């Protein structure tokens, strides 16, 4: 009769179960990785949409500021500072909505203005400059949010418009 203390099949069975379980986990992990690889396309489109919404909100606040400073009446500084503060915060977040998979500009194609990108490839070619320009514009808006005089507020809003336009000239496609 064989000695069961040294039965290889009995000793190998727990290892086989463990190895099989590990193999199953690896297969599931790789399947999950393959799924994750497919995600950036959808995620990129959602990110492009999110940055369009954020930029639209920045534009709406900027329109309010320019309407205020363009009127012949007095400026409601409290309201104006609030718009400037909102723009400042949004501009800090804005460059983080430009991950590499959202570099989807293609020339000479018909675009859907609601979902397609107008971000120039130059953003990703010189992201440090793009990031710096967004940060600088945020600081201009931050300073505008703290002024106490109407004339100073008007010049701050003009400086903010200039900061926005200079960035758009380089990093936004208008085709």
N, C-alpha and C. Protein backbone atom coordinates (compact mmCIF):
# COMPACT_ATOMS: atom_id res chain seq x y z
N UNK A 1 0.84 -1.18 0.00
CA UNK A 1 0.00 0.00 0.00
C UNK A 1 0.89 1.24 0.00
N UNK A 2 0.57 2.25 -0.86
CA UNK A 2 1.44 3.42 -0.95
C UNK A 2 1.33 4.30 0.28
N UNK A 3 2.40 4.95 0.58
CA UNK A 3 2.46 5.87 1.71
C UNK A 3 1.83 7.21 1.27
N UNK A 4 0.67 7.61 1.86
CA UNK A 4 -0.06 8.82 1.46
C UNK A 4 0.65 10.12 1.84
N UNK A 5 1.59 10.01 2.73
CA UNK A 5 2.30 11.23 3.12
C UNK A 5 3.07 11.83 1.96
N UNK A 6 3.43 11.03 0.99
CA UNK A 6 4.24 11.51 -0.13
C UNK A 6 3.51 11.38 -1.47
N UNK A 7 2.18 11.31 -1.43
CA UNK A 7 1.39 11.21 -2.65
C UNK A 7 1.43 12.54 -3.39
N UNK A 8 2.07 12.55 -4.53
CA UNK A 8 2.25 13.80 -5.29
C UNK A 8 0.94 14.41 -5.74
N UNK A 9 0.00 13.63 -6.13
CA UNK A 9 -1.27 14.18 -6.59
C UNK A 9 -1.98 14.92 -5.46
N UNK A 10 -1.87 14.37 -4.26
CA UNK A 10 -2.50 15.03 -3.12
C UNK A 10 -1.77 16.33 -2.79
N UNK A 11 -0.48 16.38 -2.91
CA UNK A 11 0.30 17.58 -2.63
C UNK A 11 0.14 18.64 -3.72
N UNK A 12 -0.04 18.22 -4.95
CA UNK A 12 -0.13 19.15 -6.08
C UNK A 12 -1.53 19.75 -6.26
N UNK A 13 -2.55 19.09 -5.74
CA UNK A 13 -3.92 19.57 -5.94
C UNK A 13 -4.12 21.00 -5.41
N UNK A 14 -3.71 21.36 -4.19
CA UNK A 14 -3.90 22.74 -3.72
C UNK A 14 -3.14 23.75 -4.60
N UNK A 15 -1.96 23.35 -5.02
CA UNK A 15 -1.20 24.24 -5.90
C UNK A 15 -1.93 24.43 -7.23
N UNK A 16 -2.49 23.38 -7.78
CA UNK A 16 -3.21 23.45 -9.05
C UNK A 16 -4.44 24.36 -8.92
N UNK A 17 -5.16 24.24 -7.80
CA UNK A 17 -6.32 25.09 -7.57
C UNK A 17 -5.88 26.55 -7.47
N UNK A 18 -4.81 26.77 -6.70
CA UNK A 18 -4.28 28.13 -6.56
C UNK A 18 -3.83 28.69 -7.91
N UNK A 19 -3.09 27.91 -8.67
CA UNK A 19 -2.59 28.35 -9.98
C UNK A 19 -3.76 28.62 -10.94
N UNK A 20 -4.75 27.76 -10.90
CA UNK A 20 -5.93 27.98 -11.75
C UNK A 20 -6.66 29.26 -11.39
N UNK A 21 -6.79 29.51 -10.09
CA UNK A 21 -7.43 30.75 -9.63
C UNK A 21 -6.64 31.98 -10.06
N UNK A 22 -5.32 31.89 -9.95
CA UNK A 22 -4.47 33.01 -10.37
C UNK A 22 -4.59 33.24 -11.87
N UNK A 23 -4.62 32.16 -12.64
CA UNK A 23 -4.76 32.27 -14.08
C UNK A 23 -6.09 32.94 -14.43
N UNK A 24 -7.14 32.57 -13.73
CA UNK A 24 -8.46 33.19 -13.97
C UNK A 24 -8.40 34.68 -13.65
N UNK A 25 -7.75 35.03 -12.55
CA UNK A 25 -7.62 36.46 -12.20
C UNK A 25 -6.83 37.22 -13.24
N UNK A 26 -5.77 36.61 -13.76
CA UNK A 26 -4.96 37.26 -14.80
C UNK A 26 -5.77 37.47 -16.06
N UNK A 27 -6.52 36.44 -16.46
CA UNK A 27 -7.37 36.56 -17.66
C UNK A 27 -8.40 37.68 -17.46
N UNK A 28 -9.03 37.71 -16.30
CA UNK A 28 -9.99 38.77 -16.03
C UNK A 28 -9.33 40.15 -16.03
N UNK A 29 -8.13 40.23 -15.46
CA UNK A 29 -7.42 41.51 -15.44
C UNK A 29 -7.07 41.97 -16.84
N UNK A 30 -6.61 41.02 -17.67
CA UNK A 30 -6.28 41.38 -19.05
C UNK A 30 -7.52 41.77 -19.84
N UNK A 31 -8.61 41.08 -19.59
CA UNK A 31 -9.87 41.45 -20.25
C UNK A 31 -10.30 42.84 -19.82
N UNK A 32 -10.12 43.14 -18.53
CA UNK A 32 -10.43 44.48 -18.03
C UNK A 32 -9.52 45.52 -18.65
N UNK A 33 -8.24 45.16 -18.85
CA UNK A 33 -7.31 46.10 -19.48
C UNK A 33 -7.71 46.36 -20.92
N UNK A 34 -8.12 45.32 -21.62
CA UNK A 34 -8.56 45.52 -23.00
C UNK A 34 -9.79 46.42 -23.03
N UNK A 35 -10.68 46.25 -22.07
CA UNK A 35 -11.86 47.11 -21.98
C UNK A 35 -11.44 48.55 -21.71
N UNK A 36 -10.46 48.72 -20.81
CA UNK A 36 -9.99 50.07 -20.48
C UNK A 36 -9.33 50.73 -21.67
N UNK A 37 -8.66 49.94 -22.51
CA UNK A 37 -8.03 50.52 -23.70
C UNK A 37 -9.10 51.09 -24.62
N UNK A 38 -10.26 50.47 -24.69
CA UNK A 38 -11.34 50.97 -25.52
C UNK A 38 -12.00 52.22 -24.94
N UNK A 39 -11.86 52.47 -23.66
CA UNK A 39 -12.55 53.56 -23.00
C UNK A 39 -12.11 54.97 -23.41
N UNK A 40 -10.81 55.21 -23.66
CA UNK A 40 -10.43 56.59 -23.92
C UNK A 40 -11.17 57.26 -25.07
N UNK A 41 -11.62 56.50 -26.08
CA UNK A 41 -12.35 57.13 -27.17
C UNK A 41 -13.63 57.77 -26.64
N UNK A 42 -14.42 57.03 -25.91
CA UNK A 42 -15.62 57.59 -25.31
C UNK A 42 -15.29 58.63 -24.28
N UNK A 43 -14.30 58.33 -23.46
CA UNK A 43 -13.88 59.27 -22.43
C UNK A 43 -13.34 60.54 -23.05
N UNK A 44 -12.61 60.43 -24.15
CA UNK A 44 -12.08 61.62 -24.82
C UNK A 44 -13.22 62.51 -25.32
N UNK A 45 -14.24 61.90 -25.90
CA UNK A 45 -15.39 62.69 -26.37
C UNK A 45 -16.10 63.37 -25.22
N UNK A 46 -16.23 62.67 -24.11
CA UNK A 46 -16.86 63.27 -22.93
C UNK A 46 -16.00 64.39 -22.36
N UNK A 47 -14.68 64.23 -22.40
CA UNK A 47 -13.79 65.28 -21.93
C UNK A 47 -13.86 66.50 -22.83
N UNK A 48 -13.91 66.28 -24.14
CA UNK A 48 -14.06 67.40 -25.07
C UNK A 48 -15.36 68.14 -24.78
N UNK A 49 -16.43 67.39 -24.56
CA UNK A 49 -17.72 68.00 -24.24
C UNK A 49 -17.63 68.80 -22.94
N UNK A 50 -16.97 68.24 -21.94
CA UNK A 50 -16.82 68.93 -20.64
C UNK A 50 -16.05 70.23 -20.80
N UNK A 51 -14.98 70.22 -21.58
CA UNK A 51 -14.23 71.47 -21.73
C UNK A 51 -15.00 72.48 -22.55
N UNK A 52 -15.84 72.03 -23.48
CA UNK A 52 -16.70 72.97 -24.22
C UNK A 52 -17.68 73.64 -23.26
N UNK A 53 -18.24 72.86 -22.35
CA UNK A 53 -19.16 73.43 -21.37
C UNK A 53 -18.44 74.42 -20.48
N UNK A 54 -17.24 74.05 -20.03
CA UNK A 54 -16.47 74.95 -19.17
C UNK A 54 -16.11 76.23 -19.91
N UNK A 55 -15.67 76.11 -21.16
CA UNK A 55 -15.32 77.31 -21.93
C UNK A 55 -16.56 78.16 -22.19
N UNK A 56 -17.69 77.54 -22.42
CA UNK A 56 -18.92 78.29 -22.61
C UNK A 56 -19.28 79.07 -21.34
N UNK A 57 -19.07 78.46 -20.19
CA UNK A 57 -19.32 79.15 -18.92
C UNK A 57 -18.35 80.31 -18.72
N UNK A 58 -17.09 80.11 -19.08
CA UNK A 58 -16.12 81.20 -19.02
C UNK A 58 -16.57 82.34 -19.94
N UNK A 59 -16.97 81.98 -21.15
CA UNK A 59 -17.43 83.00 -22.12
C UNK A 59 -18.66 83.75 -21.60
N UNK A 60 -19.60 83.03 -20.99
CA UNK A 60 -20.79 83.70 -20.45
C UNK A 60 -20.43 84.70 -19.36
N UNK A 61 -19.52 84.32 -18.49
CA UNK A 61 -19.07 85.24 -17.44
C UNK A 61 -18.30 86.41 -18.04
N UNK A 62 -17.51 86.14 -19.06
CA UNK A 62 -16.76 87.22 -19.73
C UNK A 62 -17.72 88.17 -20.42
N UNK A 63 -18.76 87.65 -21.05
CA UNK A 63 -19.77 88.51 -21.68
C UNK A 63 -20.42 89.44 -20.65
N UNK A 64 -20.72 88.89 -19.48
CA UNK A 64 -21.30 89.71 -18.41
C UNK A 64 -20.33 90.84 -18.01
N UNK A 65 -19.07 90.51 -17.88
CA UNK A 65 -18.07 91.52 -17.52
C UNK A 65 -17.97 92.60 -18.59
N UNK A 66 -17.92 92.19 -19.84
CA UNK A 66 -17.77 93.16 -20.92
C UNK A 66 -19.03 94.02 -21.09
N UNK A 67 -20.18 93.45 -20.82
CA UNK A 67 -21.41 94.24 -20.83
C UNK A 67 -21.37 95.29 -19.73
N UNK A 68 -20.91 94.90 -18.55
CA UNK A 68 -20.81 95.83 -17.42
C UNK A 68 -19.89 96.99 -17.73
N UNK A 69 -18.69 96.66 -18.21
CA UNK A 69 -17.71 97.73 -18.43
C UNK A 69 -18.01 98.53 -19.68
N UNK A 70 -18.81 97.98 -20.57
CA UNK A 70 -19.17 98.71 -21.80
C UNK A 70 -20.37 99.62 -21.64
N UNK A 71 -21.06 99.52 -20.53
CA UNK A 71 -22.25 100.35 -20.33
C UNK A 71 -21.84 101.74 -19.87
N UNK A 72 -22.70 102.69 -20.13
CA UNK A 72 -22.41 104.08 -19.74
C UNK A 72 -22.70 104.32 -18.26
N UNK A 73 -23.44 103.43 -17.65
CA UNK A 73 -23.77 103.57 -16.23
C UNK A 73 -22.64 103.04 -15.36
N UNK A 74 -22.85 103.06 -14.08
CA UNK A 74 -21.85 102.55 -13.15
C UNK A 74 -21.77 101.03 -13.19
N UNK A 75 -20.69 100.53 -12.67
CA UNK A 75 -20.45 99.10 -12.63
C UNK A 75 -20.81 98.58 -11.24
N UNK A 76 -21.54 97.49 -11.21
CA UNK A 76 -21.80 96.81 -9.96
C UNK A 76 -20.55 95.98 -9.66
N UNK A 77 -19.64 96.55 -8.89
CA UNK A 77 -18.35 95.90 -8.64
C UNK A 77 -18.49 94.55 -7.95
N UNK A 78 -19.43 94.44 -7.04
CA UNK A 78 -19.61 93.16 -6.33
C UNK A 78 -19.96 92.06 -7.34
N UNK A 79 -20.88 92.34 -8.23
CA UNK A 79 -21.26 91.36 -9.25
C UNK A 79 -20.11 91.11 -10.21
N UNK A 80 -19.45 92.16 -10.62
CA UNK A 80 -18.32 92.02 -11.54
C UNK A 80 -17.19 91.20 -10.93
N UNK A 81 -16.88 91.46 -9.67
CA UNK A 81 -15.84 90.69 -9.01
C UNK A 81 -16.22 89.22 -8.91
N UNK A 82 -17.49 88.95 -8.71
CA UNK A 82 -17.95 87.56 -8.65
C UNK A 82 -17.73 86.85 -9.98
N UNK A 83 -18.07 87.52 -11.08
CA UNK A 83 -17.83 86.93 -12.41
C UNK A 83 -16.34 86.70 -12.63
N UNK A 84 -15.52 87.66 -12.25
CA UNK A 84 -14.07 87.53 -12.43
C UNK A 84 -13.52 86.38 -11.58
N UNK A 85 -14.01 86.26 -10.37
CA UNK A 85 -13.57 85.16 -9.50
C UNK A 85 -13.94 83.81 -10.10
N UNK A 86 -15.13 83.71 -10.65
CA UNK A 86 -15.58 82.47 -11.28
C UNK A 86 -14.68 82.12 -12.46
N UNK A 87 -14.37 83.10 -13.28
CA UNK A 87 -13.48 82.87 -14.42
C UNK A 87 -12.11 82.41 -13.94
N UNK A 88 -11.60 83.05 -12.89
CA UNK A 88 -10.29 82.68 -12.37
C UNK A 88 -10.23 81.21 -11.98
N UNK A 89 -11.22 80.75 -11.27
CA UNK A 89 -11.26 79.35 -10.84
C UNK A 89 -11.39 78.42 -12.04
N UNK A 90 -12.26 78.76 -12.97
CA UNK A 90 -12.46 77.91 -14.14
C UNK A 90 -11.19 77.79 -14.97
N UNK A 91 -10.45 78.89 -15.09
CA UNK A 91 -9.22 78.85 -15.88
C UNK A 91 -8.15 77.98 -15.22
N UNK A 92 -8.19 77.85 -13.91
CA UNK A 92 -7.26 76.94 -13.25
C UNK A 92 -7.55 75.49 -13.61
N UNK A 93 -8.81 75.15 -13.77
CA UNK A 93 -9.20 73.78 -14.10
C UNK A 93 -9.06 73.49 -15.59
N UNK A 94 -9.22 74.50 -16.42
CA UNK A 94 -9.34 74.32 -17.86
C UNK A 94 -8.23 73.49 -18.50
N UNK A 95 -6.95 73.76 -18.27
CA UNK A 95 -5.93 72.98 -18.99
C UNK A 95 -5.92 71.51 -18.63
N UNK A 96 -6.51 71.14 -17.52
CA UNK A 96 -6.55 69.74 -17.11
C UNK A 96 -7.56 68.94 -17.93
N UNK A 97 -8.31 69.62 -18.77
CA UNK A 97 -9.29 68.94 -19.63
C UNK A 97 -8.72 68.70 -21.04
N UNK A 98 -7.39 68.63 -21.14
CA UNK A 98 -6.74 68.42 -22.42
C UNK A 98 -5.78 67.22 -22.37
N UNK A 99 -6.26 66.05 -21.95
CA UNK A 99 -5.38 64.87 -22.00
C UNK A 99 -5.08 64.51 -23.46
N UNK A 100 -4.00 63.79 -23.67
CA UNK A 100 -3.55 63.46 -25.02
C UNK A 100 -4.63 62.84 -25.92
N UNK A 101 -5.48 61.94 -25.43
CA UNK A 101 -6.48 61.35 -26.33
C UNK A 101 -7.49 62.36 -26.89
N UNK A 102 -7.54 63.58 -26.34
CA UNK A 102 -8.48 64.57 -26.87
C UNK A 102 -7.88 65.40 -27.98
N UNK A 103 -6.66 65.10 -28.39
CA UNK A 103 -6.03 65.76 -29.53
C UNK A 103 -6.61 65.13 -30.79
N UNK A 104 -7.79 65.60 -31.20
CA UNK A 104 -8.53 64.97 -32.29
C UNK A 104 -8.79 65.90 -33.46
N UNK A 105 -8.08 67.01 -33.54
CA UNK A 105 -8.30 67.96 -34.64
C UNK A 105 -7.93 67.32 -35.96
N UNK A 106 -8.81 67.46 -36.92
CA UNK A 106 -8.54 67.02 -38.28
C UNK A 106 -8.97 68.14 -39.22
N UNK A 107 -8.06 68.60 -40.07
CA UNK A 107 -8.42 69.69 -40.98
C UNK A 107 -9.38 69.23 -42.07
N UNK A 108 -10.11 70.19 -42.60
CA UNK A 108 -10.99 69.99 -43.76
C UNK A 108 -12.05 68.91 -43.57
N UNK A 109 -12.62 68.84 -42.39
CA UNK A 109 -13.74 67.93 -42.16
C UNK A 109 -14.90 68.76 -41.60
N UNK A 110 -16.10 68.30 -41.88
CA UNK A 110 -17.27 68.98 -41.34
C UNK A 110 -17.37 68.66 -39.85
N UNK A 111 -17.55 69.69 -39.05
CA UNK A 111 -17.55 69.54 -37.60
C UNK A 111 -18.91 69.80 -36.99
N UNK A 112 -19.17 69.08 -35.91
CA UNK A 112 -20.32 69.36 -35.09
C UNK A 112 -19.84 70.30 -33.98
N UNK A 113 -20.29 71.56 -33.96
CA UNK A 113 -19.77 72.50 -32.97
C UNK A 113 -20.08 72.10 -31.53
N UNK A 114 -21.03 71.22 -31.33
CA UNK A 114 -21.36 70.80 -29.97
C UNK A 114 -20.48 69.70 -29.44
N UNK A 115 -19.92 68.87 -30.32
CA UNK A 115 -19.17 67.72 -29.83
C UNK A 115 -17.74 67.62 -30.37
N UNK A 116 -17.43 68.24 -31.48
CA UNK A 116 -16.09 68.13 -32.04
C UNK A 116 -15.17 69.19 -31.46
N UNK A 117 -13.89 68.87 -31.46
CA UNK A 117 -12.91 69.77 -30.87
C UNK A 117 -12.48 70.87 -31.84
N UNK A 118 -12.21 72.01 -31.28
CA UNK A 118 -11.60 73.11 -32.02
C UNK A 118 -10.23 73.41 -31.41
N UNK A 119 -9.75 72.52 -30.58
CA UNK A 119 -8.45 72.69 -29.95
C UNK A 119 -7.37 72.37 -30.97
N UNK A 120 -6.44 73.30 -31.13
CA UNK A 120 -5.35 73.12 -32.10
C UNK A 120 -4.34 72.10 -31.57
N UNK A 121 -3.77 71.30 -32.46
CA UNK A 121 -2.72 70.38 -32.03
C UNK A 121 -1.54 71.07 -31.34
N UNK A 122 -1.39 72.36 -31.55
CA UNK A 122 -0.31 73.11 -30.90
C UNK A 122 -0.40 73.02 -29.37
N UNK A 123 -1.59 72.78 -28.84
CA UNK A 123 -1.74 72.63 -27.39
C UNK A 123 -0.84 71.50 -26.89
N UNK A 124 -0.89 70.38 -27.55
CA UNK A 124 -0.14 69.21 -27.10
C UNK A 124 1.33 69.30 -27.51
N UNK A 125 1.61 70.08 -28.55
CA UNK A 125 3.00 70.28 -28.97
C UNK A 125 3.74 71.20 -27.99
N UNK A 126 2.99 72.11 -27.36
CA UNK A 126 3.61 73.05 -26.43
C UNK A 126 2.71 73.23 -25.21
N UNK A 127 2.42 72.10 -24.55
CA UNK A 127 1.46 72.13 -23.45
C UNK A 127 1.92 73.05 -22.31
N UNK A 128 3.21 73.12 -22.08
CA UNK A 128 3.71 73.98 -20.98
C UNK A 128 3.31 75.43 -21.22
N UNK A 129 3.40 75.89 -22.46
CA UNK A 129 3.00 77.27 -22.77
C UNK A 129 1.50 77.45 -22.60
N UNK A 130 0.72 76.49 -23.10
CA UNK A 130 -0.73 76.53 -22.96
C UNK A 130 -1.12 76.60 -21.49
N UNK A 131 -0.50 75.75 -20.69
CA UNK A 131 -0.78 75.70 -19.26
C UNK A 131 -0.42 77.04 -18.60
N UNK A 132 0.71 77.60 -19.00
CA UNK A 132 1.16 78.88 -18.45
C UNK A 132 0.19 79.99 -18.82
N UNK A 133 -0.27 80.00 -20.06
CA UNK A 133 -1.21 81.05 -20.50
C UNK A 133 -2.54 80.96 -19.74
N UNK A 134 -3.03 79.76 -19.51
CA UNK A 134 -4.27 79.60 -18.73
C UNK A 134 -4.05 80.09 -17.30
N UNK A 135 -2.91 79.76 -16.72
CA UNK A 135 -2.60 80.21 -15.37
C UNK A 135 -2.45 81.72 -15.29
N UNK A 136 -1.81 82.31 -16.30
CA UNK A 136 -1.64 83.77 -16.32
C UNK A 136 -3.00 84.46 -16.45
N UNK A 137 -3.86 83.94 -17.31
CA UNK A 137 -5.20 84.51 -17.46
C UNK A 137 -5.99 84.37 -16.16
N UNK A 138 -5.83 83.25 -15.47
CA UNK A 138 -6.49 83.05 -14.18
C UNK A 138 -6.04 84.12 -13.19
N UNK A 139 -4.76 84.44 -13.19
CA UNK A 139 -4.24 85.47 -12.28
C UNK A 139 -4.80 86.85 -12.62
N UNK A 140 -4.96 87.14 -13.90
CA UNK A 140 -5.55 88.42 -14.31
C UNK A 140 -6.98 88.51 -13.80
N UNK A 141 -7.73 87.40 -13.96
CA UNK A 141 -9.12 87.37 -13.47
C UNK A 141 -9.15 87.48 -11.95
N UNK A 142 -8.23 86.83 -11.28
CA UNK A 142 -8.15 86.89 -9.82
C UNK A 142 -7.92 88.34 -9.36
N UNK A 143 -7.01 89.03 -10.03
CA UNK A 143 -6.74 90.43 -9.68
C UNK A 143 -7.98 91.29 -9.94
N UNK A 144 -8.67 91.03 -11.04
CA UNK A 144 -9.89 91.78 -11.35
C UNK A 144 -10.94 91.57 -10.27
N UNK A 145 -10.96 90.40 -9.68
CA UNK A 145 -11.93 90.08 -8.64
C UNK A 145 -11.64 90.82 -7.33
N UNK A 146 -10.51 91.50 -7.26
CA UNK A 146 -10.14 92.17 -6.03
C UNK A 146 -10.01 93.69 -6.14
N UNK A 147 -10.26 94.22 -7.32
CA UNK A 147 -10.13 95.68 -7.47
C UNK A 147 -11.29 96.40 -6.77
N UNK A 148 -11.05 97.64 -6.42
CA UNK A 148 -12.05 98.41 -5.69
C UNK A 148 -12.56 99.64 -6.45
N UNK A 149 -11.90 99.95 -7.56
CA UNK A 149 -12.27 101.14 -8.35
C UNK A 149 -12.78 100.72 -9.73
N UNK A 150 -13.78 101.45 -10.22
CA UNK A 150 -14.37 101.11 -11.51
C UNK A 150 -13.38 101.22 -12.67
N UNK A 151 -12.55 102.26 -12.67
CA UNK A 151 -11.59 102.40 -13.77
C UNK A 151 -10.59 101.25 -13.78
N UNK A 152 -10.14 100.87 -12.60
CA UNK A 152 -9.21 99.75 -12.50
C UNK A 152 -9.90 98.45 -12.93
N UNK A 153 -11.18 98.32 -12.60
CA UNK A 153 -11.93 97.14 -13.01
C UNK A 153 -12.05 97.08 -14.53
N UNK A 154 -12.34 98.22 -15.15
CA UNK A 154 -12.43 98.25 -16.62
C UNK A 154 -11.12 97.81 -17.27
N UNK A 155 -10.01 98.32 -16.76
CA UNK A 155 -8.72 97.93 -17.36
C UNK A 155 -8.40 96.47 -17.07
N UNK A 156 -8.83 95.95 -15.94
CA UNK A 156 -8.62 94.53 -15.62
C UNK A 156 -9.41 93.63 -16.56
N UNK A 157 -10.63 94.02 -16.86
CA UNK A 157 -11.46 93.24 -17.79
C UNK A 157 -10.84 93.28 -19.19
N UNK A 158 -10.33 94.43 -19.59
CA UNK A 158 -9.66 94.53 -20.90
C UNK A 158 -8.41 93.63 -20.93
N UNK A 159 -7.65 93.61 -19.84
CA UNK A 159 -6.47 92.75 -19.77
C UNK A 159 -6.86 91.28 -19.83
N UNK A 160 -7.98 90.92 -19.20
CA UNK A 160 -8.46 89.55 -19.24
C UNK A 160 -8.87 89.17 -20.66
N UNK A 161 -9.57 90.06 -21.35
CA UNK A 161 -9.96 89.80 -22.74
C UNK A 161 -8.71 89.58 -23.59
N UNK A 162 -7.70 90.41 -23.38
CA UNK A 162 -6.46 90.28 -24.13
C UNK A 162 -5.79 88.93 -23.85
N UNK A 163 -5.78 88.50 -22.60
CA UNK A 163 -5.19 87.21 -22.25
C UNK A 163 -5.94 86.07 -22.93
N UNK A 164 -7.26 86.16 -22.94
CA UNK A 164 -8.07 85.12 -23.59
C UNK A 164 -7.81 85.10 -25.10
N UNK A 165 -7.86 86.27 -25.72
CA UNK A 165 -7.68 86.35 -27.17
C UNK A 165 -6.29 85.89 -27.61
N UNK A 166 -5.27 86.20 -26.82
CA UNK A 166 -3.92 85.79 -27.21
C UNK A 166 -3.77 84.27 -27.15
N UNK A 167 -4.41 83.63 -26.20
CA UNK A 167 -4.38 82.17 -26.11
C UNK A 167 -5.18 81.56 -27.27
N UNK A 168 -6.37 82.10 -27.52
CA UNK A 168 -7.20 81.58 -28.62
C UNK A 168 -6.50 81.71 -29.96
N UNK A 169 -5.74 82.77 -30.15
CA UNK A 169 -5.04 82.99 -31.43
C UNK A 169 -4.07 81.85 -31.73
N UNK A 170 -3.49 81.28 -30.69
CA UNK A 170 -2.50 80.21 -30.88
C UNK A 170 -3.15 78.83 -30.80
N UNK A 171 -4.05 78.64 -29.87
CA UNK A 171 -4.48 77.30 -29.50
C UNK A 171 -5.90 76.93 -29.89
N UNK A 172 -6.59 77.78 -30.62
CA UNK A 172 -7.96 77.45 -31.03
C UNK A 172 -8.06 77.51 -32.54
N UNK A 173 -8.62 76.46 -33.12
CA UNK A 173 -8.89 76.42 -34.56
C UNK A 173 -10.27 77.01 -34.79
N UNK A 174 -10.39 77.85 -35.78
CA UNK A 174 -11.68 78.49 -36.06
C UNK A 174 -12.26 78.09 -37.41
N UNK A 175 -11.72 77.06 -38.00
CA UNK A 175 -12.21 76.61 -39.32
C UNK A 175 -13.56 75.95 -39.20
